[in-house]
C-alpha cells in the first residue's frame, strides 16, 4: 500500500465509524479482526472488544463528532490529531450525565497491515474531558510563575 492509501484507511475509519451517525459495520472494512488497541485506561484485543468500546462511546456521547485536525503518514504508520465534541448524555467512569457539551483532543497512532488498522495507540486528553464533566477541579495556575 502507498502512504496515501494507509492515510486513507485511518481517516475513513474515523470519519465513518467514530461519529454519532457512524456506521459500526464500517469496522469490517477498516479494522483488522485481531486489532490491538492501547489507551491509558484500556487495552482491547480483537474486533469484538473494539466494537463494544465504540458502542459504549455512543451511549456516553450520543451526538459526538470527531474531526481529523492533522495527519502524518509514512509507509504503514499513520498519526492523527483529532478533536471530539459531544454531549455528555450517558454515564462514564461512574460520572452521571451532565448534558454538557464536551470537547476533547487526542492523537491516534495506527499501524496498517493488509489494508486495515492492525494496531492503534490512542492518547486522549482525559483530564480535560473529566474537568469538563465536573469530575475533577481544574488545576490552579500561578500566573506569576509563567
Protein backbone atom coordinates (compact mmCIF):
# COMPACT_ATOMS: atom_id res chain seq x y z
CA UNK A 1 0.00 0.00 0.00
CA UNK A 2 1.10 3.54 -0.65
CA UNK A 3 1.42 6.08 2.13
CA UNK A 4 -1.69 7.87 0.85
CA UNK A 5 -3.61 4.57 0.99
CA UNK A 6 -2.62 3.94 4.61
CA UNK A 7 -3.63 7.50 5.48
CA UNK A 8 -7.00 6.94 3.79
CA UNK A 9 -7.67 3.80 5.87
CA UNK A 10 -7.20 5.65 9.17
CA UNK A 11 -9.02 8.79 8.04
CA UNK A 12 -12.03 6.89 6.68
CA UNK A 13 -12.26 4.70 9.79
CA UNK A 14 -12.56 7.82 11.95
CA UNK A 15 -14.98 9.61 9.63
CA UNK A 16 -17.23 6.60 9.05
CA UNK A 17 -17.11 4.96 12.49
CA UNK A 18 -16.26 7.50 15.19
CA UNK A 19 -19.12 9.92 14.67
CA UNK A 20 -22.61 9.76 16.18
CA UNK A 21 -24.10 8.87 12.81
CA UNK A 22 -21.21 6.48 12.25
CA UNK A 23 -21.60 3.05 10.76
CA UNK A 24 -20.31 0.32 13.07
CA UNK A 25 -20.30 -2.06 10.12
CA UNK A 26 -17.59 0.13 8.54
CA UNK A 27 -15.35 -1.51 11.11
CA UNK A 28 -15.26 -4.62 8.91
CA UNK A 29 -13.70 -2.62 6.07
CA UNK A 30 -11.09 -0.68 8.05
CA UNK A 31 -10.24 -2.68 11.18
CA UNK A 32 -8.34 -5.97 11.36
CA UNK A 33 -10.16 -8.82 13.09
CA UNK A 34 -7.24 -9.13 15.54
CA UNK A 35 -6.77 -5.39 16.22
CA UNK A 36 -4.77 -4.40 19.29
CA UNK A 37 -5.90 -1.07 20.74
CA UNK A 38 -3.97 0.64 23.53
CA UNK A 39 -5.05 3.67 25.57
CA UNK A 40 -4.27 4.90 29.09
CA UNK A 41 -7.28 3.20 30.71
CA UNK A 42 -7.69 0.16 28.48
CA UNK A 43 -6.17 -2.42 26.22
CA UNK A 44 -8.54 -4.05 23.75
CA UNK A 45 -7.81 -7.14 21.71
CA UNK A 46 -9.92 -8.15 18.76
CA UNK A 47 -12.75 -6.59 16.84
CA UNK A 48 -15.45 -7.65 19.32
CA UNK A 49 -13.86 -5.66 22.15
CA UNK A 50 -13.23 -2.72 19.81
CA UNK A 51 -16.86 -2.76 18.64
CA UNK A 52 -18.10 -2.84 22.24
CA UNK A 53 -15.97 0.22 23.05
CA UNK A 54 -17.45 2.08 20.05
CA UNK A 55 -20.97 1.19 21.17
CA UNK A 56 -20.24 2.37 24.73
CA UNK A 57 -18.82 5.66 23.43
CA UNK A 58 -22.14 6.29 21.69
CA UNK A 59 -24.05 5.81 24.95
CA UNK A 60 -21.81 8.29 26.77
CA UNK A 61 -21.76 10.90 23.99
CA UNK A 62 -24.89 10.28 21.94
CA UNK A 63 -24.16 13.05 19.41
CA UNK A 64 -20.40 13.07 19.24
CA UNK A 65 -18.47 14.08 16.15
CA UNK A 66 -14.78 13.53 15.58
CA UNK A 67 -12.84 15.94 13.40
CA UNK A 68 -9.48 14.99 11.93
CA UNK A 69 -7.24 18.02 12.51
CA UNK A 70 -3.86 16.78 11.24
CA UNK A 71 -2.49 13.63 9.60
CA UNK A 72 1.08 12.45 9.13
CA UNK A 73 1.62 9.15 7.35
CA UNK A 74 4.70 7.18 6.42
CA UNK A 75 4.68 3.67 4.97
CA UNK A 76 2.43 1.60 7.28
CA UNK A 77 2.18 4.19 10.09
CA UNK A 78 -0.38 6.99 10.47
CA UNK A 79 -0.52 9.69 13.16
CA UNK A 80 -3.74 11.65 13.56
CA UNK A 81 -4.58 14.59 15.81
CA UNK A 82 -8.32 14.81 16.40
CA UNK A 83 -10.98 16.80 18.24
CA UNK A 84 -14.07 15.06 19.58
CA UNK A 85 -17.16 17.08 20.53
CA UNK A 86 -20.37 15.79 22.01
CA UNK A 87 -22.98 15.99 24.74
CA UNK A 88 -22.24 14.02 27.90
CA UNK A 89 -25.57 12.18 27.87
CA UNK A 90 -24.64 8.84 29.45
CA UNK A 91 -22.74 7.58 32.49
CA UNK A 92 -18.98 7.43 32.03
CA UNK A 93 -16.46 6.09 34.55
CA UNK A 94 -19.09 6.40 37.28
CA UNK A 95 -19.86 10.01 36.36
CA UNK A 96 -23.55 10.70 35.87
CA UNK A 97 -24.57 12.53 32.65
CA UNK A 98 -24.18 16.30 32.83
CA UNK A 99 -25.78 17.03 29.44
CA UNK A 100 -22.92 19.48 28.91
CA UNK A 101 -21.05 19.89 25.64
CA UNK A 102 -17.61 18.28 25.95
CA UNK A 103 -14.62 18.86 23.70
CA UNK A 104 -11.63 16.55 23.87
CA UNK A 105 -8.47 16.45 21.81
CA UNK A 106 -6.21 13.50 21.29
CA UNK A 107 -3.98 11.53 18.98
CA UNK A 108 -4.20 8.17 17.26
CA UNK A 109 -1.13 6.29 16.10
CA UNK A 110 -2.11 3.48 13.74
CA UNK A 111 -0.20 0.64 12.11
CA UNK A 112 -1.83 -0.56 8.93
CA UNK A 113 -1.47 -4.19 7.87
CA UNK A 114 -3.11 -5.73 4.80
CA UNK A 115 -5.18 -2.57 4.28
CA UNK A 116 -6.66 -2.47 7.80
CA UNK A 117 -5.83 -0.96 11.17
CA UNK A 118 -3.98 -3.73 12.97
CA UNK A 119 -2.72 -1.71 15.91
CA UNK A 120 -3.81 1.61 17.40
CA UNK A 121 -2.38 3.65 20.25
CA UNK A 122 -4.56 6.49 21.48
CA UNK A 123 -3.51 9.40 23.64
CA UNK A 124 -6.68 11.32 24.60
CA UNK A 125 -6.87 14.38 26.85
CA UNK A 126 -8.91 12.59 29.50
CA UNK A 127 -8.03 15.15 32.20
CA UNK A 128 -9.58 17.88 30.06
CA UNK A 129 -12.65 15.71 29.46
CA UNK A 130 -13.03 14.86 33.17
CA UNK A 131 -12.66 18.54 34.08
CA UNK A 132 -15.45 19.48 31.66
CA UNK A 133 -17.61 16.70 33.12
CA UNK A 134 -17.09 18.17 36.61
CA UNK A 135 -15.28 15.09 37.91
CA UNK A 136 -12.07 16.98 38.72
CA UNK A 137 -11.27 20.58 39.51
CA UNK A 138 -9.11 22.42 37.02
CA UNK A 139 -5.58 22.92 38.34
CA UNK A 140 -4.82 26.34 39.73
CA UNK A 141 -2.17 28.24 37.81
CA UNK A 142 0.05 30.82 39.42
CA UNK A 143 0.45 33.26 36.55
CA UNK A 144 3.47 34.86 38.21
CA UNK A 145 5.37 31.62 37.53
CA UNK A 146 4.61 31.66 33.80
